PDB file of N, CA and C in Angstrom:
ATOM      1  N   VAL A   1     123.695 103.918 125.381  1.00  0.00           N
ATOM      2  CA  VAL A   1     123.588 103.552 123.986  1.00  0.00           C
ATOM      3  C   VAL A   1     124.914 103.895 123.331  1.00  0.00           C
ATOM      4  N   PHE A   2     125.400 102.965 122.547  1.00  0.00           N
ATOM      5  CA  PHE A   2     126.705 103.141 121.926  1.00  0.00           C
ATOM      6  C   PHE A   2     126.671 102.485 120.556  1.00  0.00           C
ATOM      7  N   MET A   3     126.911 103.248 119.514  1.00  0.00           N
ATOM      8  CA  MET A   3     126.885 102.703 118.160  1.00  0.00           C
ATOM      9  C   MET A   3     128.209 103.033 117.481  1.00  0.00           C
ATOM     10  N   ILE A   4     128.812 101.987 116.888  1.00  0.00           N
ATOM     11  CA  ILE A   4     130.074 102.200 116.178  1.00  0.00           C
ATOM     12  C   ILE A   4     129.982 101.638 114.773  1.00  0.00           C
ATOM     13  N   ASP A   5     130.827 102.148 113.908  1.00  0.00           N
ATOM     14  CA  ASP A   5     130.971 101.602 112.565  1.00  0.00           C
ATOM     15  C   ASP A   5     131.851 100.364 112.689  1.00  0.00           C
ATOM     16  N   ALA A   6     131.313  99.206 112.343  1.00  0.00           N
ATOM     17  CA  ALA A   6     132.043  97.947 112.509  1.00  0.00           C
ATOM     18  C   ALA A   6     133.290  97.879 111.639  1.00  0.00           C
ATOM     19  N   GLU A   7     133.282  98.573 110.526  1.00  0.00           N
ATOM     20  CA  GLU A   7     134.434  98.554 109.620  1.00  0.00           C
ATOM     21  C   GLU A   7     135.597  99.386 110.163  1.00  0.00           C
ATOM     22  N   THR A   8     135.278 100.575 110.684  1.00  0.00           N
ATOM     23  CA  THR A   8     136.339 101.505 111.073  1.00  0.00           C
ATOM     24  C   THR A   8     136.517 101.651 112.578  1.00  0.00           C
ATOM     25  N   GLY A   9     135.495 101.250 113.340  1.00  0.00           N
ATOM     26  CA  GLY A   9     135.549 101.445 114.783  1.00  0.00           C
ATOM     27  C   GLY A   9     135.190 102.856 115.205  1.00  0.00           C
ATOM     28  N   THR A  10     134.790 103.690 114.257  1.00  0.00           N
ATOM     29  CA  THR A  10     134.413 105.068 114.544  1.00  0.00           C
ATOM     30  C   THR A  10     133.114 105.099 115.344  1.00  0.00           C
ATOM     31  N   VAL A  11     133.091 105.887 116.402  1.00  0.00           N
ATOM     32  CA  VAL A  11     131.880 106.045 117.200  1.00  0.00           C
ATOM     33  C   VAL A  11     130.900 106.911 116.417  1.00  0.00           C
ATOM     34  N   LEU A  12     129.722 106.353 116.133  1.00  0.00           N
ATOM     35  CA  LEU A  12     128.700 107.076 115.389  1.00  0.00           C
ATOM     36  C   LEU A  12     127.738 107.808 116.323  1.00  0.00           C
ATOM     37  N   PHE A  13     127.500 107.206 117.484  1.00  0.00           N
ATOM     38  CA  PHE A  13     126.578 107.798 118.449  1.00  0.00           C
ATOM     39  C   PHE A  13     126.880 107.229 119.825  1.00  0.00           C
ATOM     40  N   ALA A  14     126.825 108.084 120.827  1.00  0.00           N
ATOM     41  CA  ALA A  14     127.015 107.621 122.199  1.00  0.00           C
ATOM     42  C   ALA A  14     126.168 108.471 123.136  1.00  0.00           C
ATOM     43  N   LYS A  15     125.429 107.801 123.996  1.00  0.00           N
ATOM     44  CA  LYS A  15     124.641 108.482 125.024  1.00  0.00           C
ATOM     45  C   LYS A  15     124.630 107.576 126.245  1.00  0.00           C
ATOM     46  N   ASP A  16     125.168 108.050 127.330  1.00  0.00           N
ATOM     47  CA  ASP A  16     125.292 107.235 128.542  1.00  0.00           C
ATOM     48  C   ASP A  16     125.933 105.886 128.206  1.00  0.00           C
ATOM     49  N   ALA A  17     127.009 105.934 127.434  1.00  0.00           N
ATOM     50  CA  ALA A  17     127.642 104.720 126.913  1.00  0.00           C
ATOM     51  C   ALA A  17     128.130 103.777 128.007  1.00  0.00           C
ATOM     52  N   ASP A  18     128.391 104.292 129.199  1.00  0.00           N
ATOM     53  CA  ASP A  18     128.874 103.438 130.290  1.00  0.00           C
ATOM     54  C   ASP A  18     127.752 102.890 131.160  1.00  0.00           C
ATOM     55  N   LYS A  19     126.525 103.293 130.880  1.00  0.00           N
ATOM     56  CA  LYS A  19     125.381 102.846 131.679  1.00  0.00           C
ATOM     57  C   LYS A  19     124.889 101.492 131.164  1.00  0.00           C
ATOM     58  N   PRO A  20     124.871 100.462 132.028  1.00  0.00           N
ATOM     59  CA  PRO A  20     124.381  99.149 131.579  1.00  0.00           C
ATOM     60  C   PRO A  20     122.872  99.178 131.311  1.00  0.00           C
ATOM     61  N   ILE A  21     122.462  98.591 130.204  1.00  0.00           N
ATOM     62  CA  ILE A  21     121.043  98.471 129.879  1.00  0.00           C
ATOM     63  C   ILE A  21     120.791  97.069 129.330  1.00  0.00           C
ATOM     64  N   PRO A  22     119.581  96.541 129.518  1.00  0.00           N
ATOM     65  CA  PRO A  22     119.295  95.212 128.970  1.00  0.00           C
ATOM     66  C   PRO A  22     119.236  95.267 127.442  1.00  0.00           C
ATOM     67  N   PRO A  23     119.604  94.191 126.772  1.00  0.00           N
ATOM     68  CA  PRO A  23     119.563  94.195 125.307  1.00  0.00           C
ATOM     69  C   PRO A  23     118.131  94.227 124.790  1.00  0.00           C
ATOM     70  N   ALA A  24     117.991  94.668 123.558  1.00  0.00           N
ATOM     71  CA  ALA A  24     116.689  94.631 122.897  1.00  0.00           C
ATOM     72  C   ALA A  24     116.358  93.175 122.577  1.00  0.00           C
ATOM     73  N   SER A  25     115.261  92.962 121.938  1.00  0.00           N
ATOM     74  CA  SER A  25     114.841  91.616 121.576  1.00  0.00           C
ATOM     75  C   SER A  25     115.947  90.880 120.826  1.00  0.00           C
ATOM     76  N   MET A  26     116.338  89.738 121.336  1.00  0.00           N
ATOM     77  CA  MET A  26     117.393  88.947 120.692  1.00  0.00           C
ATOM     78  C   MET A  26     116.968  88.529 119.284  1.00  0.00           C
ATOM     79  N   ALA A  27     115.699  88.222 119.094  1.00  0.00           N
ATOM     80  CA  ALA A  27     115.226  87.826 117.758  1.00  0.00           C
ATOM     81  C   ALA A  27     115.398  88.974 116.764  1.00  0.00           C
ATOM     82  N   LYS A  28     115.094  90.190 117.195  1.00  0.00           N
ATOM     83  CA  LYS A  28     115.252  91.347 116.304  1.00  0.00           C
ATOM     84  C   LYS A  28     116.726  91.588 115.995  1.00  0.00           C
ATOM     85  N   LEU A  29     117.567  91.468 117.008  1.00  0.00           N
ATOM     86  CA  LEU A  29     119.002  91.663 116.784  1.00  0.00           C
ATOM     87  C   LEU A  29     119.560  90.613 115.822  1.00  0.00           C
ATOM     88  N   MET A  30     119.146  89.377 115.983  1.00  0.00           N
ATOM     89  CA  MET A  30     119.635  88.316 115.100  1.00  0.00           C
ATOM     90  C   MET A  30     119.092  88.490 113.683  1.00  0.00           C
ATOM     91  N   THR A  31     117.851  88.942 113.564  1.00  0.00           N
ATOM     92  CA  THR A  31     117.291  89.216 112.237  1.00  0.00           C
ATOM     93  C   THR A  31     118.103  90.300 111.540  1.00  0.00           C
ATOM     94  N   MET A  32     118.433  91.353 112.271  1.00  0.00           N
ATOM     95  CA  MET A  32     119.250  92.423 111.692  1.00  0.00           C
ATOM     96  C   MET A  32     120.608  91.889 111.252  1.00  0.00           C
ATOM     97  N   GLU A  33     121.215  91.057 112.057  1.00  0.00           N
ATOM     98  CA  GLU A  33     122.527  90.487 111.722  1.00  0.00           C
ATOM     99  C   GLU A  33     122.453  89.679 110.430  1.00  0.00           C
ATOM    100  N   VAL A  34     121.443  88.840 110.318  1.00  0.00           N
ATOM    101  CA  VAL A  34     121.284  88.000 109.124  1.00  0.00           C
ATOM    102  C   VAL A  34     121.030  88.868 107.892  1.00  0.00           C
ATOM    103  N   VAL A  35     120.144  89.844 108.025  1.00  0.00           N
ATOM    104  CA  VAL A  35     119.815  90.717 106.889  1.00  0.00           C
ATOM    105  C   VAL A  35     121.029  91.543 106.469  1.00  0.00           C
ATOM    106  N   PHE A  36     121.716  92.151 107.428  1.00  0.00           N
ATOM    107  CA  PHE A  36     122.880  92.969 107.077  1.00  0.00           C
ATOM    108  C   PHE A  36     123.978  92.132 106.427  1.00  0.00           C
ATOM    109  N   ASN A  37     124.184  90.915 106.907  1.00  0.00           N
ATOM    110  CA  ASN A  37     125.180  90.037 106.278  1.00  0.00           C
ATOM    111  C   ASN A  37     124.763  89.659 104.860  1.00  0.00           C
ATOM    112  N   ALA A  38     123.475  89.413 104.659  1.00  0.00           N
ATOM    113  CA  ALA A  38     122.983  89.067 103.319  1.00  0.00           C
ATOM    114  C   ALA A  38     123.130  90.251 102.364  1.00  0.00           C
ATOM    115  N   ILE A  39     122.896  91.452 102.855  1.00  0.00           N
ATOM    116  CA  ILE A  39     123.083  92.647 102.022  1.00  0.00           C
ATOM    117  C   ILE A  39     124.562  92.821 101.688  1.00  0.00           C
ATOM    118  N   LYS A  40     125.399  92.693 102.695  1.00  0.00           N
ATOM    119  CA  LYS A  40     126.843  92.874 102.494  1.00  0.00           C
ATOM    120  C   LYS A  40     127.398  91.877 101.480  1.00  0.00           C
ATOM    121  N   SER A  41     126.898  90.643 101.525  1.00  0.00           N
ATOM    122  CA  SER A  41     127.388  89.618 100.598  1.00  0.00           C
ATOM    123  C   SER A  41     126.619  89.617  99.275  1.00  0.00           C
ATOM    124  N   LYS A  42     125.737  90.612  99.120  1.00  0.00           N
ATOM    125  CA  LYS A  42     124.973  90.815  97.883  1.00  0.00           C
ATOM    126  C   LYS A  42     124.000  89.674  97.561  1.00  0.00           C
ATOM    127  N   ARG A  43     123.578  88.930  98.589  1.00  0.00           N
ATOM    128  CA  ARG A  43     122.553  87.901  98.377  1.00  0.00           C
ATOM    129  C   ARG A  43     121.168  88.533  98.291  1.00  0.00           C
ATOM    130  N   ILE A  44     120.993  89.684  98.951  1.00  0.00           N
ATOM    131  CA  ILE A  44     119.748  90.447  98.857  1.00  0.00           C
ATOM    132  C   ILE A  44     120.098  91.925  98.758  1.00  0.00           C
ATOM    133  N   THR A  45     119.107  92.725  98.372  1.00  0.00           N
ATOM    134  CA  THR A  45     119.275  94.178  98.340  1.00  0.00           C
ATOM    135  C   THR A  45     118.129  94.806  99.132  1.00  0.00           C
ATOM    136  N   LEU A  46     118.238  96.091  99.389  1.00  0.00           N
ATOM    137  CA  LEU A  46     117.170  96.797 100.096  1.00  0.00           C
ATOM    138  C   LEU A  46     115.875  96.810  99.293  1.00  0.00           C
ATOM    139  N   ASP A  47     115.969  96.612  97.989  1.00  0.00           N
ATOM    140  CA  ASP A  47     114.781  96.614  97.131  1.00  0.00           C
ATOM    141  C   ASP A  47     114.101  95.252  97.031  1.00  0.00           C
ATOM    142  N   ASP A  48     114.739  94.200  97.515  1.00  0.00           N
ATOM    143  CA  ASP A  48     114.129  92.871  97.466  1.00  0.00           C
ATOM    144  C   ASP A  48     112.876  92.827  98.332  1.00  0.00           C
ATOM    145  N   THR A  49     111.950  91.958  97.939  1.00  0.00           N
ATOM    146  CA  THR A  49     110.723  91.790  98.713  1.00  0.00           C
ATOM    147  C   THR A  49     110.559  90.330  99.114  1.00  0.00           C
ATOM    148  N   PHE A  50     109.854  90.132 100.199  1.00  0.00           N
ATOM    149  CA  PHE A  50     109.530  88.798 100.678  1.00  0.00           C
ATOM    150  C   PHE A  50     108.033  88.737 100.914  1.00  0.00           C
ATOM    151  N   VAL A  51     107.428  87.642 100.501  1.00  0.00           N
ATOM    152  CA  VAL A  51     105.985  87.470 100.651  1.00  0.00           C
ATOM    153  C   VAL A  51     105.697  86.865 102.023  1.00  0.00           C
ATOM    154  N   VAL A  52     104.707  87.417 102.707  1.00  0.00           N
ATOM    155  CA  VAL A  52     104.309  86.917 104.022  1.00  0.00           C
ATOM    156  C   VAL A  52     103.549  85.608 103.824  1.00  0.00           C
ATOM    157  N   SER A  53     104.150  84.525 104.279  1.00  0.00           N
ATOM    158  CA  SER A  53     103.532  83.207 104.118  1.00  0.00           C
ATOM    159  C   SER A  53     102.376  83.031 105.099  1.00  0.00           C
ATOM    160  N   GLU A  54     101.538  82.065 104.821  1.00  0.00           N
ATOM    161  CA  GLU A  54     100.424  81.795 105.732  1.00  0.00           C
ATOM    162  C   GLU A  54     100.946  81.352 107.094  1.00  0.00           C
ATOM    163  N   ASN A  55     102.002  80.546 107.093  1.00  0.00           N
ATOM    164  CA  ASN A  55     102.573  80.097 108.363  1.00  0.00           C
ATOM    165  C   ASN A  55     103.070  81.286 109.189  1.00  0.00           C
ATOM    166  N   ALA A  56     103.809  82.184 108.560  1.00  0.00           N
ATOM    167  CA  ALA A  56     104.315  83.359 109.282  1.00  0.00           C
ATOM    168  C   ALA A  56     103.162  84.229 109.764  1.00  0.00           C
ATOM    169  N   TRP A  57     102.168  84.392 108.926  1.00  0.00           N
ATOM    170  CA  TRP A  57     101.024  85.237 109.264  1.00  0.00           C
ATOM    171  C   TRP A  57     100.230  84.656 110.434  1.00  0.00           C
ATOM    172  N   ARG A  58     100.072  83.324 110.446  1.00  0.00           N
ATOM    173  CA  ARG A  58      99.277  82.686 111.504  1.00  0.00           C
ATOM    174  C   ARG A  58     100.040  82.513 112.819  1.00  0.00           C
ATOM    175  N   THR A  59     101.346  82.346 112.748  1.00  0.00           N
ATOM    176  CA  THR A  59     102.091  82.009 113.964  1.00  0.00           C
ATOM    177  C   THR A  59     102.954  83.134 114.513  1.00  0.00           C
ATOM    178  N   GLY A  60     103.254  84.140 113.719  1.00  0.00           N
ATOM    179  CA  GLY A  60     104.107  85.232 114.189  1.00  0.00           C
ATOM    180  C   GLY A  60     103.297  86.410 114.676  1.00  0.00           C
ATOM    181  N   GLY A  61     103.998  87.459 115.064  1.00  0.00           N
ATOM    182  CA  GLY A  61     103.344  88.709 115.439  1.00  0.00           C
ATOM    183  C   GLY A  61     102.313  88.563 116.531  1.00  0.00           C
ATOM    184  N   ALA A  62     101.150  89.161 116.322  1.00  0.00           N
ATOM    185  CA  ALA A  62     100.105  89.222 117.351  1.00  0.00           C
ATOM    186  C   ALA A  62      99.716  87.853 117.919  1.00  0.00           C
ATOM    187  N   PRO A  63      99.486  86.810 117.077  1.00  0.00           N
ATOM    188  CA  PRO A  63      99.116  85.518 117.651  1.00  0.00           C
ATOM    189  C   PRO A  63     100.174  84.939 118.592  1.00  0.00           C
ATOM    190  N   SER A  64     101.429  85.292 118.364  1.00  0.00           N
ATOM    191  CA  SER A  64     102.499  84.741 119.197  1.00  0.00           C
ATOM    192  C   SER A  64     102.759  85.585 120.440  1.00  0.00           C
ATOM    193  N   GLY A  65     102.096  86.741 120.518  1.00  0.00           N
ATOM    194  CA  GLY A  65     102.310  87.621 121.662  1.00  0.00           C
ATOM    195  C   GLY A  65     103.597  88.424 121.554  1.00  0.00           C
ATOM    196  N   THR A  66     104.195  88.437 120.370  1.00  0.00           N
ATOM    197  CA  THR A  66     105.423  89.204 120.159  1.00  0.00           C
ATOM    198  C   THR A  66     105.108  90.433 119.317  1.00  0.00           C
ATOM    199  N   SER A  67     106.130  91.205 119.006  1.00  0.00           N
ATOM    200  CA  SER A  67     105.900  92.399 118.199  1.00  0.00           C
ATOM    201  C   SER A  67     105.468  92.003 116.791  1.00  0.00           C
ATOM    202  N   THR A  68     104.805  92.918 116.140  1.00  0.00           N
ATOM    203  CA  THR A  68     104.284  92.630 114.810  1.00  0.00           C
ATOM    204  C   THR A  68     104.378  93.859 113.926  1.00  0.00           C
ATOM    205  N   MET A  69     104.427  93.637 112.631  1.00  0.00           N
ATOM    206  CA  MET A  69     104.401  94.759 111.695  1.00  0.00           C
ATOM    207  C   MET A  69     103.049  94.833 110.986  1.00  0.00           C
ATOM    208  N   PHE A  70     102.111  93.975 111.371  1.00  0.00           N
ATOM    209  CA  PHE A  70     100.750  93.968 110.843  1.00  0.00           C
ATOM    210  C   PHE A  70     100.707  93.802 109.326  1.00  0.00           C
ATOM    211  N   ALA A  71     101.633  93.030 108.790  1.00  0.00           N
ATOM    212  CA  ALA A  71     101.639  92.758 107.352  1.00  0.00           C
ATOM    213  C   ALA A  71     100.513  91.783 107.029  1.00  0.00           C
ATOM    214  N   LYS A  72      99.849  92.023 105.927  1.00  0.00           N
ATOM    215  CA  LYS A  72      98.745  91.159 105.516  1.00  0.00           C
ATOM    216  C   LYS A  72      99.269  89.870 104.896  1.00  0.00           C
ATOM    217  N   LEU A  73      98.461  88.838 104.978  1.00  0.00           N
ATOM    218  CA  LEU A  73      98.786  87.546 104.378  1.00  0.00           C
ATOM    219  C   LEU A  73      99.090  87.730 102.897  1.00  0.00           C
ATOM    220  N   LYS A  74     100.178  87.149 102.443  1.00  0.00           N
ATOM    221  CA  LYS A  74     100.640  87.165 101.053  1.00  0.00           C
ATOM    222  C   LYS A  74     101.030  88.553 100.552  1.00  0.00           C
ATOM    223  N   SER A  75     101.186  89.510 101.470  1.00  0.00           N
ATOM    224  CA  SER A  75     101.667  90.827 101.044  1.00  0.00           C
ATOM    225  C   SER A  75     103.176  90.755 100.836  1.00  0.00           C
ATOM    226  N   ALA A  76     103.684  91.637  99.992  1.00  0.00           N
ATOM    227  CA  ALA A  76     105.119  91.698  99.718  1.00  0.00           C
ATOM    228  C   ALA A  76     105.736  92.781 100.600  1.00  0.00           C
ATOM    229  N   VAL A  77     106.747  92.404 101.364  1.00  0.00           N
ATOM    230  CA  VAL A  77     107.404  93.325 102.287  1.00  0.00           C
ATOM    231  C   VAL A  77     108.828  93.575 101.799  1.00  0.00           C
ATOM    232  N   ARG A  78     109.171  94.847 101.615  1.00  0.00           N
ATOM    233  CA  ARG A  78     110.525  95.204 101.174  1.00  0.00           C
ATOM    234  C   ARG A  78     111.516  95.082 102.321  1.00  0.00           C
ATOM    235  N   VAL A  79     112.736  94.725 101.987  1.00  0.00           N
ATOM    236  CA  VAL A  79     113.798  94.652 102.991  1.00  0.00           C
ATOM    237  C   VAL A  79     113.984  96.013 103.641  1.00  0.00           C
ATOM    238  N   GLU A  80     113.965  97.057 102.833  1.00  0.00           N
ATOM    239  CA  GLU A  80     114.163  98.401 103.364  1.00  0.00           C
ATOM    240  C   GLU A  80     113.114  98.716 104.391  1.00  0.00           C
TER     241      GLU A  80
END
């Protein structure tokens, strides 16, 4: 595991940094990338909320066999 500050290149955390490991879920990594870019460009903030749509509720998470946060239909989920 190896984590660096993208701005400065400073190593924030390292544990077995030379040991190859498979990546985490690509969907989760891409979601983080999109969210962090949106925060950086001030399009969203950590306090913003998003409502769980019926489509997301019916097709994501448990029904899709992927990870889930068990958010209820039409609930508001904070970015944070």
